[in-house]
Amino acid sequence: MESDEISGKEEALDYLKGRGSQYNPANPFLNGSYVQEEVEGLDEEFLTNEKTKYFFEYPKNVVNKVKSPDIGPAYSINPYQGCEHGCIYCYARNTHTYWGFSAGLDFERKIIVKPDVPKLLEKKITSRGWKPVPIMVSGNTDCYQPVERKMKLTRQMLEVFLKYRHPLGMITKNGLIVRDLDLLSELAEHRLVQVMISITSLREELRQKMEPRTASAKKRLKTMEKLAKAGVPVGVMTAPIVPGLNSDEIPNIIKAVADAGGMMAGYTIVRLNGQIGEIFVDWIHKNFPDRAGKVLNQIAEVHGGNLNDSEYGRRIRGDGNIAEAIAQLHHTAVKKHLKGRRPPEYNYASFRPEIKNGQMKLF
């Protein structure tokens, strides 16, 4: 991989503002790791908020088949790995270790960029035997994170989807998506796109701690309103729900989404697999010491007594009384505020793989 520093700001802080994780846990795939033994001298770099660095990777395939039974058959594509948004709960953190980085601070400030994504997407959906199914952009990290302003890989992918009339879904928490309203509205005219905006909290103080480099909930709702007015089917993912932290906000979030023109809603309950558990435990004790134990106990309760949960079905929605209460709260709010609303079904008939370089293939 090639490295390229684009932007960032250094500052020495006991608590790294603007970052979710506050440290780098050791990478389980590496034999050695750096550790901090002294707070002075050679180790002082551990106390700085390093610049975000970008690495360029050139994989051969970028359209990934999702095989999870509790999600169903699906495909996803991710132009970026790692995410500068820094959401403390992000399940994608664990994947960063496969690149030789840490699931902690590295995940937020060492971002992998895949410049060939648009070209590889086009190659995949025009390949022999490909059947059009919605491809999720992005299923792992946010496709509209800050680096997208410069790279424009997500916009280029939308151009490919539109060119071949291929269906897609999108999920983001960044207002940058409105930059691409021209493409999204045209895709919507052909019933080829659905967008989900992720909102975990309407309380700005909580949002800043959980998702330090994301748009505010107010901006996300404004973004949703703009999408809806442009005819783009849009909804909300109240994900993840953290029992005892933001679970009480579900009705207010769904109502705000309805007022903004949203037509659908989904949710997941937080699960802290792999190193996310230790990162989250460190974070919640530093930010909410008065309720850390209660929150952690409730998370474990919905996951069979553990923070880590790999059991299909339960890992996403949880189990037990707390999970049932959350499910009922969500169901009631959706029934009250989004009754009768639903996105149009995807249009698969318009897919035209024979279009290549703007011309019809003869064979």
Protein backbone atom coordinates (compact mmCIF):
# COMPACT_ATOMS: atom_id res chain seq x y z
CA MET A 1 0.00 0.00 0.00
CA GLU A 2 1.09 3.53 -0.74
CA SER A 3 0.73 6.17 1.96
CA ASP A 4 -0.41 9.74 1.42
CA GLU A 5 -1.06 12.32 4.15
CA ILE A 6 -3.92 14.58 3.10
CA SER A 7 -5.04 16.51 6.14
CA GLY A 8 -5.23 16.52 9.92
CA LYS A 9 -4.44 18.41 13.10
CA GLU A 10 -2.02 17.50 15.86
CA GLU A 11 -2.69 18.28 19.48
CA ALA A 12 -1.56 16.71 22.75
CA LEU A 13 -4.54 15.85 24.94
CA ASP A 14 -5.26 13.54 27.86
CA TYR A 15 -8.56 12.84 26.14
CA LEU A 16 -8.33 12.87 22.37
CA LYS A 17 -11.20 15.11 21.34
CA GLY A 18 -12.64 14.31 17.96
CA ARG A 19 -11.76 10.63 18.30
CA GLY A 20 -13.94 7.80 19.52
CA SER A 21 -11.36 5.29 20.67
CA GLN A 22 -8.77 6.66 23.07
CA TYR A 23 -6.02 4.14 22.39
CA ASN A 24 -4.80 1.39 20.07
CA PRO A 25 -5.33 -2.17 21.33
CA ALA A 26 -2.73 -4.64 20.11
CA ASN A 27 -3.35 -6.23 16.73
CA PRO A 28 -3.94 -9.98 17.37
CA PHE A 29 -2.40 -10.83 13.99
CA LEU A 30 0.94 -9.17 14.72
CA ASN A 31 3.75 -10.67 16.80
CA GLY A 32 4.81 -7.35 18.28
CA SER A 33 3.28 -3.99 19.13
CA TYR A 34 4.20 -0.57 20.49
CA VAL A 35 3.42 0.06 24.14
CA GLN A 36 3.53 3.18 26.28
CA GLU A 37 5.60 2.80 29.43
CA GLU A 38 6.46 6.42 30.19
CA VAL A 39 4.49 9.63 29.71
CA GLU A 40 7.58 11.58 28.71
CA GLY A 41 10.39 11.36 26.20
CA LEU A 42 10.25 8.89 23.36
CA ASP A 43 6.73 7.73 24.18
CA GLU A 44 5.06 11.13 23.98
CA GLU A 45 3.75 10.40 20.47
CA PHE A 46 1.15 8.14 22.04
CA LEU A 47 -0.49 11.17 23.63
CA THR A 48 -0.94 13.13 20.41
CA ASN A 49 -3.89 13.24 18.11
CA GLU A 50 -2.02 12.22 14.97
CA LYS A 51 -2.90 13.39 11.50
CA THR A 52 -5.24 11.22 9.52
CA LYS A 53 -3.32 9.23 6.92
CA TYR A 54 -4.62 7.68 3.74
CA PHE A 55 -3.38 4.48 2.14
CA PHE A 56 -4.16 3.36 -1.40
CA GLU A 57 -5.06 -0.26 -2.08
CA TYR A 58 -5.88 -1.93 -5.40
CA PRO A 59 -7.95 -5.12 -4.84
CA LYS A 60 -9.17 -7.26 -7.73
CA ASN A 61 -12.75 -7.46 -6.48
CA VAL A 62 -14.82 -4.96 -4.49
CA VAL A 63 -18.36 -6.34 -4.73
CA ASN A 64 -18.71 -8.64 -1.72
CA LYS A 65 -21.40 -11.23 -1.17
CA VAL A 66 -23.00 -11.07 2.28
CA LYS A 67 -23.64 -14.59 3.56
CA SER A 68 -25.07 -13.86 7.02
CA PRO A 69 -28.34 -15.80 7.56
CA ASP A 70 -29.88 -12.99 9.63
CA ILE A 71 -29.28 -10.44 6.85
CA GLY A 72 -30.21 -12.55 3.87
CA PRO A 73 -28.58 -12.78 0.44
CA ALA A 74 -27.06 -9.42 -0.39
CA TYR A 75 -24.03 -7.66 -1.80
CA SER A 76 -22.03 -4.72 -0.53
CA ILE A 77 -19.30 -2.44 -1.81
CA ASN A 78 -16.96 -0.26 0.23
CA PRO A 79 -14.75 2.38 -1.40
CA TYR A 80 -13.03 3.02 1.94
CA GLN A 81 -11.87 0.84 4.85
CA GLY A 82 -11.53 2.49 8.21
CA CYS A 83 -13.64 5.55 8.95
CA GLU A 84 -12.72 9.00 10.19
CA HIS A 85 -16.17 9.42 11.75
CA GLY A 86 -14.80 7.52 14.76
CA CYS A 87 -18.05 5.94 15.95
CA ILE A 88 -17.08 4.11 19.11
CA TYR A 89 -19.41 1.15 18.56
CA CYS A 90 -18.61 0.44 14.89
CA TYR A 91 -18.57 -3.29 14.11
CA ALA A 92 -16.20 -2.63 11.19
CA ARG A 93 -13.36 -1.80 13.58
CA ASN A 94 -12.34 -5.46 13.80
CA THR A 95 -11.77 -5.67 10.05
CA HIS A 96 -8.98 -3.10 10.29
CA THR A 97 -6.71 -5.63 11.96
CA TYR A 98 -6.59 -7.65 8.73
CA TRP A 99 -4.80 -4.71 7.12
CA GLY A 100 -2.13 -4.72 9.83
CA PHE A 101 -3.67 -1.83 11.76
CA SER A 102 -5.42 -1.51 15.12
CA ALA A 103 -9.17 -1.55 15.68
CA GLY A 104 -8.78 1.51 17.91
CA LEU A 105 -7.32 4.84 16.87
CA ASP A 106 -5.85 3.35 13.69
CA PHE A 107 -9.36 2.62 12.44
CA GLU A 108 -10.18 6.34 12.66
CA ARG A 109 -6.96 7.87 11.36
CA LYS A 110 -5.52 5.33 8.92
CA ILE A 111 -8.00 5.15 6.09
CA ILE A 112 -7.65 2.77 3.16
CA VAL A 113 -8.81 4.15 -0.18
CA LYS A 114 -9.64 1.93 -3.18
CA PRO A 115 -9.29 4.17 -6.27
CA ASP A 116 -10.36 1.44 -8.72
CA VAL A 117 -13.76 0.87 -7.10
CA PRO A 118 -15.88 2.45 -9.90
CA LYS A 119 -14.04 0.50 -12.61
CA LEU A 120 -14.30 -2.78 -10.71
CA LEU A 121 -17.99 -2.20 -10.01
CA GLU A 122 -18.63 -1.71 -13.72
CA LYS A 123 -16.68 -4.86 -14.53
CA LYS A 124 -18.69 -6.88 -12.02
CA ILE A 125 -22.20 -5.83 -12.99
CA THR A 126 -21.49 -6.24 -16.71
CA SER A 127 -19.91 -9.68 -16.30
CA ARG A 128 -21.52 -12.71 -17.91
CA GLY A 129 -24.31 -14.17 -15.82
CA TRP A 130 -24.63 -11.28 -13.33
CA LYS A 131 -28.20 -10.85 -12.09
CA PRO A 132 -29.25 -7.41 -10.81
CA VAL A 133 -29.70 -7.35 -7.03
CA PRO A 134 -29.40 -4.26 -4.81
CA ILE A 135 -25.78 -3.60 -3.85
CA MET A 136 -25.37 -1.83 -0.53
CA VAL A 137 -23.10 1.24 -0.59
CA SER A 138 -21.53 0.94 1.99
CA GLY A 139 -22.14 -2.09 4.13
CA ASN A 140 -19.05 -1.61 6.26
CA THR A 141 -17.76 1.98 6.57
CA ASP A 142 -19.36 5.27 5.55
CA CYS A 143 -19.09 5.98 1.82
CA TYR A 144 -19.49 9.72 2.51
CA GLN A 145 -16.77 10.10 5.14
CA PRO A 146 -14.53 13.20 4.80
CA VAL A 147 -12.09 11.80 2.21
CA GLU A 148 -14.98 11.39 -0.26
CA ARG A 149 -14.96 15.16 -0.80
CA LYS A 150 -11.63 14.80 -2.56
CA MET A 151 -11.76 11.28 -4.01
CA LYS A 152 -15.41 11.29 -5.23
CA LEU A 153 -15.41 7.50 -5.50
CA THR A 154 -18.99 7.24 -4.26
CA ARG A 155 -20.18 9.73 -6.86
CA GLN A 156 -18.38 7.77 -9.57
CA MET A 157 -20.09 4.59 -8.40
CA LEU A 158 -23.48 6.31 -8.62
CA GLU A 159 -22.65 7.22 -12.21
CA VAL A 160 -21.97 3.55 -12.94
CA PHE A 161 -25.22 2.43 -11.30
CA LEU A 162 -27.17 5.01 -13.29
CA LYS A 163 -25.45 4.15 -16.57
CA TYR A 164 -26.47 0.51 -16.33
CA ARG A 165 -29.74 1.12 -14.48
CA HIS A 166 -28.63 -1.11 -11.61
CA PRO A 167 -30.37 -1.06 -8.18
CA LEU A 168 -28.55 -0.03 -5.03
CA GLY A 169 -29.04 0.88 -1.42
CA MET A 170 -27.09 3.44 0.59
CA ILE A 171 -26.49 4.11 4.25
CA THR A 172 -24.68 7.14 5.63
CA LYS A 173 -24.63 9.64 8.46
CA ASN A 174 -22.96 12.42 6.49
CA GLY A 175 -24.69 15.37 4.84
CA LEU A 176 -22.25 15.16 1.93
CA ILE A 177 -24.74 12.88 0.21
CA VAL A 178 -26.76 15.91 -0.94
CA ARG A 179 -23.86 16.77 -3.26
CA ASP A 180 -25.07 13.86 -5.39
CA LEU A 181 -28.76 14.74 -5.47
CA ASP A 182 -28.66 15.05 -9.26
CA LEU A 183 -27.68 11.40 -9.65
CA LEU A 184 -29.79 10.12 -6.78
CA SER A 185 -32.96 11.82 -8.01
CA GLU A 186 -32.50 10.31 -11.47
CA LEU A 187 -31.88 6.88 -9.97
CA ALA A 188 -35.04 7.35 -7.92
CA GLU A 189 -37.04 8.14 -11.07
CA HIS A 190 -36.15 4.65 -12.29
CA ARG A 191 -36.88 3.10 -8.85
CA LEU A 192 -33.27 2.06 -8.42
CA VAL A 193 -32.23 3.54 -5.08
CA GLN A 194 -33.16 3.62 -1.40
CA VAL A 195 -31.22 5.62 1.19
CA MET A 196 -30.99 5.10 4.93
CA ILE A 197 -29.67 7.84 7.18
CA SER A 198 -28.19 6.56 10.44
CA ILE A 199 -29.31 8.41 13.58
CA THR A 200 -28.41 7.14 17.03
CA SER A 201 -29.31 10.16 19.14
CA LEU A 202 -30.99 13.56 18.96
CA ARG A 203 -28.97 14.68 21.97
CA GLU A 204 -25.99 16.55 20.60
CA GLU A 205 -23.81 15.98 23.66
CA LEU A 206 -24.24 12.22 23.34
CA ARG A 207 -23.73 12.30 19.57
CA GLN A 208 -20.43 14.15 19.96
CA LYS A 209 -19.13 11.46 22.29
CA MET A 210 -20.43 8.41 20.43
CA GLU A 211 -19.77 9.66 16.90
CA PRO A 212 -17.25 12.50 17.24
CA ARG A 213 -16.69 13.39 13.58
CA THR A 214 -20.16 12.96 12.17
CA ALA A 215 -22.90 15.41 11.22
CA SER A 216 -25.29 16.48 13.97
CA ALA A 217 -28.72 14.87 14.14
CA LYS A 218 -30.22 18.21 13.08
CA LYS A 219 -28.13 18.20 9.91
CA ARG A 220 -28.96 14.57 9.20
CA LEU A 221 -32.68 15.34 9.43
CA LYS A 222 -32.19 18.30 7.07
CA THR A 223 -30.35 15.96 4.73
CA MET A 224 -33.23 13.52 4.89
CA GLU A 225 -35.67 16.31 4.11
CA LYS A 226 -33.69 17.35 1.02
CA LEU A 227 -33.55 13.76 -0.23
CA ALA A 228 -37.28 13.28 0.30
CA LYS A 229 -38.13 16.51 -1.52
CA ALA A 230 -35.97 15.36 -4.43
CA GLY A 231 -38.04 12.17 -4.66
CA VAL A 232 -35.41 9.87 -3.19
CA PRO A 233 -36.89 7.15 -0.94
CA VAL A 234 -35.26 7.71 2.43
CA GLY A 235 -35.52 6.25 5.90
CA VAL A 236 -33.62 5.91 9.16
CA MET A 237 -31.47 3.27 10.81
CA THR A 238 -31.60 3.84 14.55
CA ALA A 239 -28.45 1.86 14.87
CA PRO A 240 -27.11 0.81 17.14
CA ILE A 241 -29.46 1.02 20.07
CA VAL A 242 -27.40 0.98 23.27
CA PRO A 243 -29.61 -0.06 26.21
CA GLY A 244 -29.50 2.54 28.95
CA LEU A 245 -27.78 5.11 26.73
CA ASN A 246 -29.98 5.98 23.75
CA SER A 247 -32.77 3.38 23.86
CA ASP A 248 -35.23 5.91 25.29
CA GLU A 249 -34.89 8.10 22.19
CA ILE A 250 -36.47 5.72 19.68
CA PRO A 251 -39.96 7.35 19.59
CA ASN A 252 -38.55 10.86 19.24
CA ILE A 253 -36.16 9.82 16.48
CA ILE A 254 -38.91 8.08 14.48
CA LYS A 255 -41.22 11.10 14.83
CA ALA A 256 -38.46 13.48 13.68
CA VAL A 257 -37.77 11.21 10.71
CA ALA A 258 -41.45 11.17 9.77
CA ASP A 259 -41.57 14.97 9.95
CA ALA A 260 -38.54 15.11 7.64
CA GLY A 261 -40.24 12.97 4.99
CA GLY A 262 -38.80 9.58 5.88
CA MET A 263 -40.79 6.51 4.91
CA MET A 264 -39.04 3.56 6.58
CA ALA A 265 -37.09 2.69 9.72
CA GLY A 266 -34.88 -0.08 10.97
CA TYR A 267 -32.75 -0.72 14.03
CA THR A 268 -30.07 -2.96 15.49
CA ILE A 269 -28.93 -3.46 19.07
CA VAL A 270 -25.26 -2.82 19.78
CA ARG A 271 -22.94 -5.83 19.98
CA LEU A 272 -19.33 -5.56 21.04
CA ASN A 273 -17.50 -8.34 19.26
CA GLY A 274 -13.74 -8.80 19.25
CA GLN A 275 -11.69 -5.79 20.29
CA ILE A 276 -14.69 -3.46 20.10
CA GLY A 277 -15.61 -4.69 23.56
CA GLU A 278 -12.47 -3.43 25.28
CA ILE A 279 -12.51 -0.19 23.27
CA PHE A 280 -16.14 0.47 24.22
CA VAL A 281 -15.60 -0.43 27.89
CA ASP A 282 -12.69 2.02 28.10
CA TRP A 283 -14.78 4.70 26.36
CA ILE A 284 -17.90 4.40 28.49
CA HIS A 285 -15.98 4.45 31.77
CA LYS A 286 -14.26 7.66 30.66
CA ASN A 287 -17.41 9.37 29.37
CA PHE A 288 -20.22 7.98 31.55
CA PRO A 289 -18.59 6.62 34.73
CA ASP A 290 -21.83 6.96 36.69
CA ARG A 291 -23.76 4.56 34.45
CA ALA A 292 -21.05 2.49 32.80
CA GLY A 293 -21.77 -0.64 34.83
CA LYS A 294 -25.52 -0.46 34.21
CA VAL A 295 -25.12 0.02 30.45
CA LEU A 296 -22.60 -2.81 30.12
CA ASN A 297 -24.78 -5.16 32.16
CA GLN A 298 -27.80 -4.40 29.96
CA ILE A 299 -25.80 -4.96 26.76
CA ALA A 300 -24.66 -8.32 28.12
CA GLU A 301 -28.20 -9.22 29.14
CA VAL A 302 -29.55 -8.91 25.59
CA HIS A 303 -26.67 -11.02 24.26
CA GLY A 304 -26.88 -14.12 26.41
CA GLY A 305 -24.72 -12.71 29.20
CA ASN A 306 -21.80 -11.56 27.04
CA LEU A 307 -20.78 -8.32 25.35
CA ASN A 308 -19.63 -10.47 22.45
CA ASP A 309 -22.41 -12.19 20.48
CA SER A 310 -22.05 -14.19 17.26
CA GLU A 311 -25.37 -16.04 17.37
CA TYR A 312 -27.31 -15.28 14.21
CA GLY A 313 -30.55 -13.42 14.87
CA ARG A 314 -29.77 -12.54 18.48
CA ARG A 315 -26.58 -10.67 17.58
CA ILE A 316 -28.59 -8.01 15.72
CA ARG A 317 -31.85 -7.73 17.70
CA GLY A 318 -30.90 -9.19 21.06
CA ASP A 319 -32.96 -11.48 23.29
CA GLY A 320 -34.83 -11.26 26.59
CA ASN A 321 -36.96 -8.62 28.30
CA ILE A 322 -34.81 -5.61 27.44
CA ALA A 323 -34.60 -6.59 23.78
CA GLU A 324 -38.35 -7.18 23.65
CA ALA A 325 -39.03 -3.76 25.19
CA ILE A 326 -36.79 -2.10 22.59
CA ALA A 327 -38.49 -4.01 19.76
CA GLN A 328 -41.94 -3.02 20.99
CA LEU A 329 -40.91 0.62 21.41
CA HIS A 330 -39.60 0.69 17.85
CA HIS A 331 -42.62 -1.13 16.41
CA THR A 332 -45.08 1.19 18.16
CA ALA A 333 -43.24 4.33 17.02
CA VAL A 334 -43.08 3.12 13.40
CA LYS A 335 -46.76 2.19 13.42
CA LYS A 336 -47.70 5.59 14.83
CA HIS A 337 -45.50 7.87 12.73
CA LEU A 338 -44.74 5.94 9.52
CA LYS A 339 -48.01 4.10 9.00
CA GLY A 340 -48.82 3.65 5.32
CA ARG A 341 -45.40 4.79 4.16
CA ARG A 342 -43.12 2.46 2.24
CA PRO A 343 -40.53 2.85 -0.51
CA PRO A 344 -41.40 1.73 -4.05
CA GLU A 345 -40.18 -1.71 -5.03
CA TYR A 346 -36.90 -1.90 -6.91
CA ASN A 347 -37.13 -1.92 -10.69
CA TYR A 348 -34.98 -4.76 -12.00
CA ALA A 349 -36.39 -4.70 -15.51
CA SER A 350 -34.47 -1.58 -16.53
CA PHE A 351 -31.03 -3.18 -16.00
CA ARG A 352 -29.01 -2.88 -19.23
CA PRO A 353 -25.63 -4.59 -19.00
CA GLU A 354 -25.24 -4.42 -22.77
CA ILE A 355 -24.41 -0.70 -22.53
CA LYS A 356 -20.65 -0.28 -22.72
CA ASN A 357 -18.76 2.97 -23.30
CA GLY A 358 -22.02 4.65 -24.17
CA GLN A 359 -22.84 2.24 -27.03
CA MET A 360 -24.83 -0.95 -27.46
CA LYS A 361 -22.82 -4.14 -27.69
CA LEU A 362 -23.43 -6.13 -30.87
CA PHE A 363 -22.75 -9.42 -29.13
